[in-house]
Each structure stands twice: as structure tokens, then as C-alpha cells.
Amino acid sequence: MARLTTTLLMATALVATAACSKKHPEVLPPAPGAAPEQTQPTGPQGPVGDAVVPGSSADFKRSVTSDTVHFGLDQSDIDDTARGILDTQVAWLARYPNVRITIEGHCDERGTREYNLALGDRRANAAKNYLASRGVDASRITTISYGKERPIALGSDEEAWAQNRRAVTVVLSQ
């Protein structure tokens, strides 16, 4: 009887411990640019031949100052440079009111995964809130944080870290 009680206590402890363990997120979607190149002309989201379709992702990248705003270390505030970039995005989004966007929040490699996911979320939401304050309907904007999972610059120096502290606006649809 004592052995059965001990076994049940150990099993209960294992179940309780497993329930408290961290849940890992599902697999991240592939990195931008990882999709195979399309060989056929596309619809409203991409070029047909050499022409850039108005309201497409290519049109957005061609028309705005940048699709990316950068942040200081452990910062998520929108500075003057970021305001200028986001203001060009506001103007473009005003021309195409049916276009939806996602703002991706990114961090450099320093810090824990959890901290960087939270910081990336604050960065993406700071950009979203700025766009919404300038008249872009917030329902057109989704945000996602990739934390430190998708660096664009490899390296462990200030130059690489500065490039990775960013929020990127991605055009989804028209």
C-alpha cells in the first residue's frame, strides 16, 4: 500500500510540474524572402511584368521613405526620425484605404527570449499607435513580435544590434 501511495504521489508531482512548464510557441512562419520566387505575373499584390501595381507591397516600398523604423537599446518610443518615416507610410496608407498591414517588432540578440518578445511587441504597437493617431484605421493594422528570432544583420556588435532593433511595416492585401 505504501508503494502505491508513493507512486501516486510521484505521478501527481510529475503532472503538476509538467502543467507549470513553459509552453513553447508553434513553429514560426518562414522568414521574409524565404518563399520561392513567383515566375508568373501576380495580381494586385505584386508586379505584372516590370510595372509596379498601385497599392502593392512593391508600390509601398517604392513610395515611402522606408518600411522600417529603428529604436535605441531597450527603447520602444517613436523618435523624430521614426515619425518622419511613419508619416510617409500614413500618406501612402491614406491613398489605399483597403490595404491591410502587419507591423513586425524585432530586437537584437541580447536579453532573454521572453524579454525580447515583449520589447518587440512594444515596438510594433508603438508604430501602430502612431499610425492610428495620424488617422490610419487601427483595424487595418495587426502586430506581431519576433523578438530576436529574425535578425537582418548577423554579428555581435553595435552596428548589427542597431539594425536589428526595428519595427517593419509589411503590406498584406488591397
N, C-alpha and C. Protein backbone atom coordinates (compact mmCIF):
# COMPACT_ATOMS: atom_id res chain seq x y z
N MET A 1 0.83 -1.19 0.00
CA MET A 1 0.00 0.00 0.00
C MET A 1 0.87 1.25 0.00
N ALA A 2 1.96 1.24 0.78
CA ALA A 2 2.85 2.40 0.85
C ALA A 2 3.50 2.66 -0.49
N ARG A 3 3.84 1.56 -1.18
CA ARG A 3 4.46 1.71 -2.50
C ARG A 3 3.47 2.34 -3.49
N LEU A 4 2.21 1.95 -3.46
CA LEU A 4 1.20 2.51 -4.33
C LEU A 4 0.99 3.99 -4.02
N THR A 5 0.96 4.34 -2.74
CA THR A 5 0.81 5.74 -2.33
C THR A 5 2.00 6.56 -2.82
N THR A 6 3.19 6.05 -2.68
CA THR A 6 4.40 6.74 -3.13
C THR A 6 4.35 6.94 -4.64
N THR A 7 3.95 5.92 -5.36
CA THR A 7 3.86 6.00 -6.82
C THR A 7 2.83 7.06 -7.23
N LEU A 8 1.68 7.06 -6.57
CA LEU A 8 0.65 8.05 -6.88
C LEU A 8 1.13 9.47 -6.57
N LEU A 9 1.82 9.65 -5.45
CA LEU A 9 2.36 10.97 -5.11
C LEU A 9 3.37 11.45 -6.15
N MET A 10 4.23 10.56 -6.60
CA MET A 10 5.24 10.92 -7.62
C MET A 10 4.56 11.27 -8.94
N ALA A 11 3.55 10.50 -9.32
CA ALA A 11 2.83 10.78 -10.57
C ALA A 11 2.12 12.13 -10.49
N THR A 12 1.50 12.42 -9.35
CA THR A 12 0.83 13.71 -9.16
C THR A 12 1.82 14.86 -9.24
N ALA A 13 2.98 14.69 -8.62
CA ALA A 13 4.02 15.73 -8.67
C ALA A 13 4.50 15.95 -10.09
N LEU A 14 4.67 14.86 -10.84
CA LEU A 14 5.10 14.99 -12.24
C LEU A 14 4.06 15.74 -13.07
N VAL A 15 2.80 15.41 -12.90
CA VAL A 15 1.74 16.08 -13.65
C VAL A 15 1.69 17.57 -13.28
N ALA A 16 1.80 17.87 -12.00
CA ALA A 16 1.77 19.27 -11.56
C ALA A 16 2.96 20.03 -12.11
N THR A 17 4.13 19.43 -12.13
CA THR A 17 5.31 20.09 -12.65
C THR A 17 5.18 20.30 -14.15
N ALA A 18 4.68 19.33 -14.87
CA ALA A 18 4.51 19.46 -16.32
C ALA A 18 3.51 20.55 -16.66
N ALA A 19 2.49 20.71 -15.86
CA ALA A 19 1.48 21.74 -16.12
C ALA A 19 2.06 23.13 -15.95
N CYS A 20 3.10 23.28 -15.14
CA CYS A 20 3.69 24.59 -14.89
C CYS A 20 4.82 24.92 -15.84
N SER A 21 5.25 23.97 -16.64
CA SER A 21 6.38 24.24 -17.52
C SER A 21 5.97 25.21 -18.62
N LYS A 22 6.97 25.88 -19.18
CA LYS A 22 6.71 26.86 -20.23
C LYS A 22 6.22 26.16 -21.48
N LYS A 23 5.27 26.77 -22.11
CA LYS A 23 4.77 26.27 -23.37
C LYS A 23 5.53 26.96 -24.49
N HIS A 24 6.11 26.20 -25.36
CA HIS A 24 6.84 26.77 -26.48
C HIS A 24 5.84 27.10 -27.58
N PRO A 25 6.01 28.25 -28.24
CA PRO A 25 5.09 28.62 -29.31
C PRO A 25 5.21 27.66 -30.48
N GLU A 26 4.19 27.66 -31.30
CA GLU A 26 4.25 26.86 -32.50
C GLU A 26 5.41 27.35 -33.35
N VAL A 27 5.76 26.60 -34.32
CA VAL A 27 6.88 26.95 -35.18
C VAL A 27 6.61 28.29 -35.84
N LEU A 28 7.63 29.16 -35.87
CA LEU A 28 7.48 30.47 -36.51
C LEU A 28 7.31 30.30 -38.01
N PRO A 29 6.58 31.21 -38.64
CA PRO A 29 6.46 31.14 -40.09
C PRO A 29 7.83 31.41 -40.72
N PRO A 30 7.99 31.04 -41.97
CA PRO A 30 9.29 31.25 -42.61
C PRO A 30 9.66 32.73 -42.64
N ALA A 31 10.94 32.98 -42.62
CA ALA A 31 11.44 34.36 -42.64
C ALA A 31 11.06 35.02 -43.95
N PRO A 32 10.93 36.38 -43.94
CA PRO A 32 10.62 37.07 -45.19
C PRO A 32 11.68 36.74 -46.24
N GLY A 33 11.21 36.54 -47.46
CA GLY A 33 12.13 36.24 -48.54
C GLY A 33 12.41 34.76 -48.67
N ALA A 34 11.92 33.93 -47.74
CA ALA A 34 12.20 32.50 -47.80
C ALA A 34 11.27 31.79 -48.79
N ALA A 35 10.19 32.44 -49.18
CA ALA A 35 9.26 31.84 -50.11
C ALA A 35 9.89 31.78 -51.50
N PRO A 36 9.57 30.78 -52.27
CA PRO A 36 10.14 30.70 -53.62
C PRO A 36 9.66 31.87 -54.47
N GLU A 37 10.50 32.27 -55.38
CA GLU A 37 10.16 33.37 -56.28
C GLU A 37 9.01 32.95 -57.18
N GLN A 38 8.08 33.87 -57.42
CA GLN A 38 6.99 33.58 -58.34
C GLN A 38 7.46 33.85 -59.75
N THR A 39 7.12 32.94 -60.65
CA THR A 39 7.53 33.12 -62.04
C THR A 39 6.40 33.66 -62.88
N GLN A 40 5.18 33.59 -62.39
CA GLN A 40 4.03 34.08 -63.13
C GLN A 40 3.66 35.48 -62.64
N PRO A 41 3.10 36.32 -63.50
CA PRO A 41 2.63 37.62 -63.03
C PRO A 41 1.59 37.43 -61.93
N THR A 42 1.58 38.34 -60.99
CA THR A 42 0.64 38.23 -59.88
C THR A 42 -0.44 39.29 -60.01
N GLY A 43 -1.38 39.22 -59.08
CA GLY A 43 -2.48 40.18 -59.07
C GLY A 43 -2.11 41.48 -58.40
N PRO A 44 -3.04 42.04 -57.62
CA PRO A 44 -2.85 43.36 -57.04
C PRO A 44 -1.70 43.46 -56.05
N GLN A 45 -1.15 42.33 -55.60
CA GLN A 45 -0.10 42.41 -54.60
C GLN A 45 1.30 42.50 -55.18
N GLY A 46 1.47 42.27 -56.44
CA GLY A 46 2.82 42.27 -56.97
C GLY A 46 2.88 42.78 -58.37
N PRO A 47 4.09 42.83 -58.91
CA PRO A 47 4.27 43.37 -60.24
C PRO A 47 3.73 42.45 -61.31
N VAL A 48 3.25 43.05 -62.37
CA VAL A 48 2.88 42.34 -63.57
C VAL A 48 3.87 42.83 -64.61
N GLY A 49 4.75 41.96 -65.02
CA GLY A 49 5.84 42.39 -65.89
C GLY A 49 6.78 43.27 -65.08
N ASP A 50 7.16 44.42 -65.64
CA ASP A 50 8.05 45.34 -64.94
C ASP A 50 7.29 46.45 -64.22
N ALA A 51 5.99 46.53 -64.41
CA ALA A 51 5.19 47.60 -63.80
C ALA A 51 4.92 47.29 -62.34
N VAL A 52 4.89 48.35 -61.53
CA VAL A 52 4.54 48.21 -60.12
C VAL A 52 3.06 48.54 -59.99
N VAL A 53 2.31 47.62 -59.44
CA VAL A 53 0.87 47.79 -59.29
C VAL A 53 0.59 48.74 -58.13
N PRO A 54 -0.22 49.79 -58.38
CA PRO A 54 -0.56 50.70 -57.28
C PRO A 54 -1.24 49.95 -56.13
N GLY A 55 -0.81 50.26 -54.90
CA GLY A 55 -1.38 49.62 -53.72
C GLY A 55 -0.70 48.32 -53.35
N SER A 56 0.32 47.91 -54.10
CA SER A 56 1.02 46.65 -53.82
C SER A 56 2.16 46.88 -52.83
N SER A 57 2.71 45.79 -52.38
CA SER A 57 3.87 45.85 -51.49
C SER A 57 5.04 46.56 -52.18
N ALA A 58 5.23 46.28 -53.45
CA ALA A 58 6.31 46.93 -54.21
C ALA A 58 6.06 48.43 -54.30
N ASP A 59 4.80 48.82 -54.51
CA ASP A 59 4.45 50.24 -54.57
C ASP A 59 4.72 50.90 -53.22
N PHE A 60 4.37 50.22 -52.15
CA PHE A 60 4.61 50.75 -50.80
C PHE A 60 6.10 51.01 -50.60
N LYS A 61 6.93 50.01 -50.89
CA LYS A 61 8.37 50.15 -50.68
C LYS A 61 8.97 51.25 -51.56
N ARG A 62 8.40 51.41 -52.76
CA ARG A 62 8.89 52.45 -53.67
C ARG A 62 8.45 53.84 -53.23
N SER A 63 7.29 53.93 -52.58
CA SER A 63 6.67 55.23 -52.30
C SER A 63 7.02 55.84 -50.94
N VAL A 64 7.37 55.02 -49.97
CA VAL A 64 7.63 55.53 -48.62
C VAL A 64 9.13 55.71 -48.41
N THR A 65 9.47 56.51 -47.41
CA THR A 65 10.88 56.71 -47.08
C THR A 65 11.53 55.38 -46.73
N SER A 66 10.85 54.59 -45.92
CA SER A 66 11.34 53.27 -45.52
C SER A 66 10.17 52.48 -44.95
N ASP A 67 10.29 51.16 -44.99
CA ASP A 67 9.29 50.31 -44.33
C ASP A 67 9.72 49.97 -42.91
N THR A 68 10.86 50.53 -42.49
CA THR A 68 11.46 50.17 -41.21
C THR A 68 11.77 51.40 -40.37
N VAL A 69 11.41 51.33 -39.08
CA VAL A 69 11.86 52.34 -38.13
C VAL A 69 12.76 51.63 -37.12
N HIS A 70 13.79 52.34 -36.66
CA HIS A 70 14.76 51.76 -35.73
C HIS A 70 14.59 52.37 -34.34
N PHE A 71 15.06 51.62 -33.35
CA PHE A 71 14.91 52.02 -31.96
C PHE A 71 16.26 51.95 -31.25
N GLY A 72 16.37 52.70 -30.17
CA GLY A 72 17.54 52.63 -29.31
C GLY A 72 17.49 51.39 -28.46
N LEU A 73 18.58 51.13 -27.76
CA LEU A 73 18.68 49.98 -26.88
C LEU A 73 17.60 50.02 -25.81
N ASP A 74 16.84 48.95 -25.69
CA ASP A 74 15.75 48.82 -24.71
C ASP A 74 14.71 49.93 -24.85
N GLN A 75 14.53 50.46 -26.04
CA GLN A 75 13.58 51.56 -26.28
C GLN A 75 12.46 51.10 -27.20
N SER A 76 11.31 51.72 -27.01
CA SER A 76 10.18 51.48 -27.91
C SER A 76 9.46 52.79 -28.24
N ASP A 77 10.11 53.92 -27.95
CA ASP A 77 9.47 55.20 -28.22
C ASP A 77 9.75 55.63 -29.67
N ILE A 78 8.80 56.37 -30.22
CA ILE A 78 8.90 56.85 -31.60
C ILE A 78 9.62 58.19 -31.57
N ASP A 79 10.83 58.23 -32.14
CA ASP A 79 11.61 59.48 -32.15
C ASP A 79 11.30 60.27 -33.43
N ASP A 80 11.96 61.41 -33.60
CA ASP A 80 11.70 62.27 -34.76
C ASP A 80 11.96 61.57 -36.09
N THR A 81 13.02 60.80 -36.16
CA THR A 81 13.34 60.08 -37.40
C THR A 81 12.23 59.08 -37.72
N ALA A 82 11.80 58.34 -36.71
CA ALA A 82 10.72 57.37 -36.90
C ALA A 82 9.43 58.06 -37.31
N ARG A 83 9.14 59.22 -36.71
CA ARG A 83 7.93 59.97 -37.09
C ARG A 83 7.95 60.32 -38.57
N GLY A 84 9.08 60.78 -39.06
CA GLY A 84 9.20 61.12 -40.48
C GLY A 84 8.93 59.93 -41.38
N ILE A 85 9.48 58.78 -41.02
CA ILE A 85 9.26 57.56 -41.81
C ILE A 85 7.80 57.15 -41.74
N LEU A 86 7.24 57.13 -40.54
CA LEU A 86 5.84 56.71 -40.38
C LEU A 86 4.87 57.69 -41.04
N ASP A 87 5.21 58.98 -41.07
CA ASP A 87 4.35 59.95 -41.76
C ASP A 87 4.25 59.65 -43.25
N THR A 88 5.34 59.18 -43.88
CA THR A 88 5.25 58.81 -45.30
C THR A 88 4.38 57.56 -45.46
N GLN A 89 4.42 56.67 -44.46
CA GLN A 89 3.56 55.49 -44.51
C GLN A 89 2.09 55.89 -44.34
N VAL A 90 1.82 56.86 -43.47
CA VAL A 90 0.45 57.36 -43.28
C VAL A 90 -0.10 57.89 -44.60
N ALA A 91 0.70 58.69 -45.31
CA ALA A 91 0.27 59.27 -46.57
C ALA A 91 -0.04 58.17 -47.59
N TRP A 92 0.80 57.16 -47.67
CA TRP A 92 0.57 56.07 -48.61
C TRP A 92 -0.68 55.28 -48.22
N LEU A 93 -0.82 54.97 -46.94
CA LEU A 93 -1.99 54.22 -46.48
C LEU A 93 -3.29 55.00 -46.69
N ALA A 94 -3.22 56.33 -46.63
CA ALA A 94 -4.41 57.16 -46.89
C ALA A 94 -4.85 57.03 -48.36
N ARG A 95 -3.89 56.85 -49.26
CA ARG A 95 -4.22 56.68 -50.69
C ARG A 95 -4.85 55.31 -50.96
N TYR A 96 -4.57 54.33 -50.12
CA TYR A 96 -5.05 52.96 -50.33
C TYR A 96 -5.77 52.46 -49.08
N PRO A 97 -7.01 52.93 -48.87
CA PRO A 97 -7.72 52.64 -47.62
C PRO A 97 -8.13 51.18 -47.43
N ASN A 98 -8.02 50.36 -48.46
CA ASN A 98 -8.36 48.94 -48.32
C ASN A 98 -7.16 48.07 -48.01
N VAL A 99 -5.99 48.64 -47.99
CA VAL A 99 -4.77 47.87 -47.73
C VAL A 99 -4.62 47.64 -46.24
N ARG A 100 -4.31 46.39 -45.90
CA ARG A 100 -4.04 46.00 -44.51
C ARG A 100 -2.54 45.79 -44.37
N ILE A 101 -2.05 46.05 -43.17
CA ILE A 101 -0.63 45.89 -42.91
C ILE A 101 -0.40 45.12 -41.62
N THR A 102 0.78 44.55 -41.51
CA THR A 102 1.26 43.99 -40.26
C THR A 102 2.54 44.72 -39.90
N ILE A 103 2.66 45.07 -38.65
CA ILE A 103 3.90 45.68 -38.17
C ILE A 103 4.62 44.64 -37.32
N GLU A 104 5.84 44.31 -37.76
CA GLU A 104 6.66 43.32 -37.07
C GLU A 104 7.61 44.02 -36.11
N GLY A 105 7.65 43.58 -34.87
CA GLY A 105 8.59 44.11 -33.89
C GLY A 105 9.78 43.17 -33.75
N HIS A 106 10.99 43.75 -33.79
CA HIS A 106 12.22 42.96 -33.72
C HIS A 106 13.18 43.54 -32.69
N CYS A 107 14.09 42.71 -32.21
CA CYS A 107 15.09 43.11 -31.21
C CYS A 107 16.46 42.58 -31.61
N ASP A 108 17.48 43.05 -30.91
CA ASP A 108 18.80 42.47 -31.12
C ASP A 108 18.93 41.20 -30.28
N GLU A 109 20.06 40.57 -30.36
CA GLU A 109 20.24 39.25 -29.75
C GLU A 109 20.39 39.25 -28.24
N ARG A 110 20.59 40.42 -27.65
CA ARG A 110 20.82 40.47 -26.21
C ARG A 110 19.50 40.36 -25.45
N GLY A 111 19.54 39.81 -24.28
CA GLY A 111 18.33 39.65 -23.47
C GLY A 111 17.70 38.29 -23.67
N THR A 112 16.78 37.97 -22.77
CA THR A 112 16.11 36.67 -22.86
C THR A 112 15.09 36.68 -23.98
N ARG A 113 14.69 35.50 -24.38
CA ARG A 113 13.68 35.37 -25.43
C ARG A 113 12.39 36.07 -25.02
N GLU A 114 11.98 35.84 -23.76
CA GLU A 114 10.73 36.42 -23.27
C GLU A 114 10.80 37.94 -23.24
N TYR A 115 11.93 38.47 -22.75
CA TYR A 115 12.08 39.93 -22.69
C TYR A 115 12.02 40.52 -24.10
N ASN A 116 12.71 39.91 -25.04
CA ASN A 116 12.75 40.44 -26.39
C ASN A 116 11.41 40.30 -27.11
N LEU A 117 10.67 39.26 -26.83
CA LEU A 117 9.32 39.16 -27.42
C LEU A 117 8.44 40.29 -26.91
N ALA A 118 8.53 40.60 -25.61
CA ALA A 118 7.74 41.70 -25.04
C ALA A 118 8.21 43.04 -25.60
N LEU A 119 9.51 43.25 -25.73
CA LEU A 119 10.04 44.50 -26.28
C LEU A 119 9.65 44.65 -27.75
N GLY A 120 9.74 43.58 -28.51
CA GLY A 120 9.32 43.62 -29.92
C GLY A 120 7.85 43.97 -30.04
N ASP A 121 7.04 43.46 -29.12
CA ASP A 121 5.61 43.78 -29.10
C ASP A 121 5.39 45.26 -28.82
N ARG A 122 6.14 45.81 -27.85
CA ARG A 122 6.02 47.24 -27.55
C ARG A 122 6.43 48.08 -28.75
N ARG A 123 7.46 47.68 -29.46
CA ARG A 123 7.92 48.43 -30.64
C ARG A 123 6.87 48.39 -31.75
N ALA A 124 6.34 47.22 -32.04
CA ALA A 124 5.31 47.11 -33.08
C ALA A 124 4.08 47.93 -32.71
N ASN A 125 3.67 47.86 -31.45
CA ASN A 125 2.49 48.62 -31.02
C ASN A 125 2.74 50.12 -30.98
N ALA A 126 3.97 50.54 -30.70
CA ALA A 126 4.29 51.97 -30.74
C ALA A 126 4.11 52.50 -32.15
N ALA A 127 4.59 51.75 -33.14
CA ALA A 127 4.42 52.16 -34.54
C ALA A 127 2.94 52.14 -34.92
N LYS A 128 2.23 51.09 -34.51
CA LYS A 128 0.79 51.01 -34.80
C LYS A 128 0.04 52.19 -34.19
N ASN A 129 0.32 52.47 -32.93
CA ASN A 129 -0.37 53.57 -32.25
C ASN A 129 -0.07 54.91 -32.91
N TYR A 130 1.15 55.10 -33.38
CA TYR A 130 1.47 56.35 -34.08
C TYR A 130 0.67 56.45 -35.37
N LEU A 131 0.65 55.38 -36.16
CA LEU A 131 -0.12 55.40 -37.41
C LEU A 131 -1.60 55.67 -37.13
N ALA A 132 -2.14 55.02 -36.11
CA ALA A 132 -3.55 55.22 -35.76
C ALA A 132 -3.80 56.65 -35.30
N SER A 133 -2.86 57.23 -34.57
CA SER A 133 -3.04 58.62 -34.11
C SER A 133 -3.01 59.60 -35.27
N ARG A 134 -2.45 59.19 -36.39
CA ARG A 134 -2.38 60.05 -37.58
C ARG A 134 -3.51 59.75 -38.56
N GLY A 135 -4.48 58.91 -38.16
CA GLY A 135 -5.67 58.71 -38.98
C GLY A 135 -5.81 57.37 -39.66
N VAL A 136 -4.84 56.49 -39.54
CA VAL A 136 -4.97 55.16 -40.14
C VAL A 136 -5.85 54.32 -39.22
N ASP A 137 -6.90 53.71 -39.79
CA ASP A 137 -7.82 52.89 -39.00
C ASP A 137 -7.05 51.73 -38.36
N ALA A 138 -7.09 51.65 -37.06
CA ALA A 138 -6.34 50.62 -36.32
C ALA A 138 -6.77 49.21 -36.70
N SER A 139 -8.00 49.04 -37.19
CA SER A 139 -8.45 47.71 -37.58
C SER A 139 -7.72 47.20 -38.83
N ARG A 140 -7.03 48.07 -39.55
CA ARG A 140 -6.25 47.68 -40.72
C ARG A 140 -4.85 47.21 -40.34
N ILE A 141 -4.49 47.35 -39.07
CA ILE A 141 -3.12 47.09 -38.64
C ILE A 141 -3.09 45.95 -37.64
N THR A 142 -2.29 44.93 -37.94
CA THR A 142 -2.01 43.89 -36.96
C THR A 142 -0.54 44.00 -36.57
N THR A 143 -0.22 43.47 -35.41
CA THR A 143 1.16 43.49 -34.97
C THR A 143 1.60 42.08 -34.60
N ILE A 144 2.90 41.86 -34.69
CA ILE A 144 3.49 40.61 -34.26
C ILE A 144 4.90 40.91 -33.78
N SER A 145 5.32 40.19 -32.77
CA SER A 145 6.69 40.34 -32.28
C SER A 145 7.47 39.08 -32.60
N TYR A 146 8.62 39.26 -33.21
CA TYR A 146 9.54 38.15 -33.45
C TYR A 146 10.70 38.18 -32.47
N GLY A 147 10.73 39.18 -31.59
CA GLY A 147 11.83 39.25 -30.62
C GLY A 147 13.16 39.26 -31.33
N LYS A 148 14.03 38.37 -30.92
CA LYS A 148 15.36 38.30 -31.53
C LYS A 148 15.47 37.17 -32.55
N GLU A 149 14.34 36.58 -32.93
CA GLU A 149 14.33 35.39 -33.78
C GLU A 149 14.65 35.64 -35.25
N ARG A 150 14.51 36.88 -35.73
CA ARG A 150 14.71 37.16 -37.15
C ARG A 150 15.64 38.36 -37.36
N PRO A 151 16.91 38.20 -37.03
CA PRO A 151 17.83 39.32 -37.26
C PRO A 151 18.05 39.55 -38.75
N ILE A 152 18.25 40.81 -39.13
CA ILE A 152 18.61 41.08 -40.52
C ILE A 152 20.11 41.27 -40.64
N ALA A 153 20.76 41.60 -39.53
CA ALA A 153 22.21 41.76 -39.51
C ALA A 153 22.79 40.74 -38.54
N LEU A 154 23.71 39.95 -39.04
CA LEU A 154 24.36 38.98 -38.18
C LEU A 154 25.61 39.61 -37.60
N GLY A 155 25.89 39.29 -36.38
CA GLY A 155 27.06 39.84 -35.71
C GLY A 155 26.71 40.22 -34.30
N SER A 156 27.73 40.34 -33.50
CA SER A 156 27.54 40.69 -32.09
C SER A 156 28.27 41.99 -31.80
N ASP A 157 27.91 43.01 -32.53
CA ASP A 157 28.49 44.33 -32.32
C ASP A 157 27.39 45.38 -32.44
N GLU A 158 27.70 46.60 -32.05
CA GLU A 158 26.68 47.66 -32.02
C GLU A 158 26.06 47.90 -33.39
N GLU A 159 26.84 47.81 -34.45
CA GLU A 159 26.31 48.04 -35.80
C GLU A 159 25.21 47.03 -36.14
N ALA A 160 25.47 45.77 -35.87
CA ALA A 160 24.47 44.73 -36.14
C ALA A 160 23.27 44.88 -35.22
N TRP A 161 23.54 45.12 -33.93
CA TRP A 161 22.44 45.26 -32.98
C TRP A 161 21.52 46.41 -33.36
N ALA A 162 22.09 47.54 -33.79
CA ALA A 162 21.29 48.71 -34.15
C ALA A 162 20.37 48.41 -35.32
N GLN A 163 20.83 47.62 -36.28
CA GLN A 163 20.00 47.27 -37.43
C GLN A 163 18.86 46.35 -37.04
N ASN A 164 19.06 45.54 -36.03
CA ASN A 164 18.06 44.55 -35.62
C ASN A 164 16.99 45.11 -34.69
N ARG A 165 17.22 46.27 -34.09
CA ARG A 165 16.22 46.91 -33.20
C ARG A 165 15.28 47.70 -34.09
N ARG A 166 14.14 47.09 -34.49
CA ARG A 166 13.33 47.72 -35.52
C ARG A 166 11.87 47.29 -35.46
N ALA A 167 11.05 48.06 -36.17
CA ALA A 167 9.67 47.69 -36.46
C ALA A 167 9.53 47.81 -37.98
N VAL A 168 9.01 46.77 -38.61
CA VAL A 168 8.90 46.73 -40.06
C VAL A 168 7.43 46.65 -40.45
N THR A 169 7.03 47.52 -41.37
CA THR A 169 5.66 47.52 -41.88
C THR A 169 5.60 46.66 -43.14
N VAL A 170 4.69 45.68 -43.14
CA VAL A 170 4.54 44.75 -44.26
C VAL A 170 3.12 44.89 -44.80
N VAL A 171 3.00 45.14 -46.11
CA VAL A 171 1.70 45.26 -46.77
C VAL A 171 1.13 43.86 -46.98
N LEU A 172 -0.12 43.66 -46.55
CA LEU A 172 -0.76 42.34 -46.66
C LEU A 172 -1.66 42.23 -47.87
N SER A 173 -2.61 43.15 -48.01
CA SER A 173 -3.58 42.99 -49.09
C SER A 173 -4.20 44.33 -49.44
N GLN A 174 -4.85 44.34 -50.55
CA GLN A 174 -5.53 45.55 -51.00
C GLN A 174 -7.01 45.40 -50.84
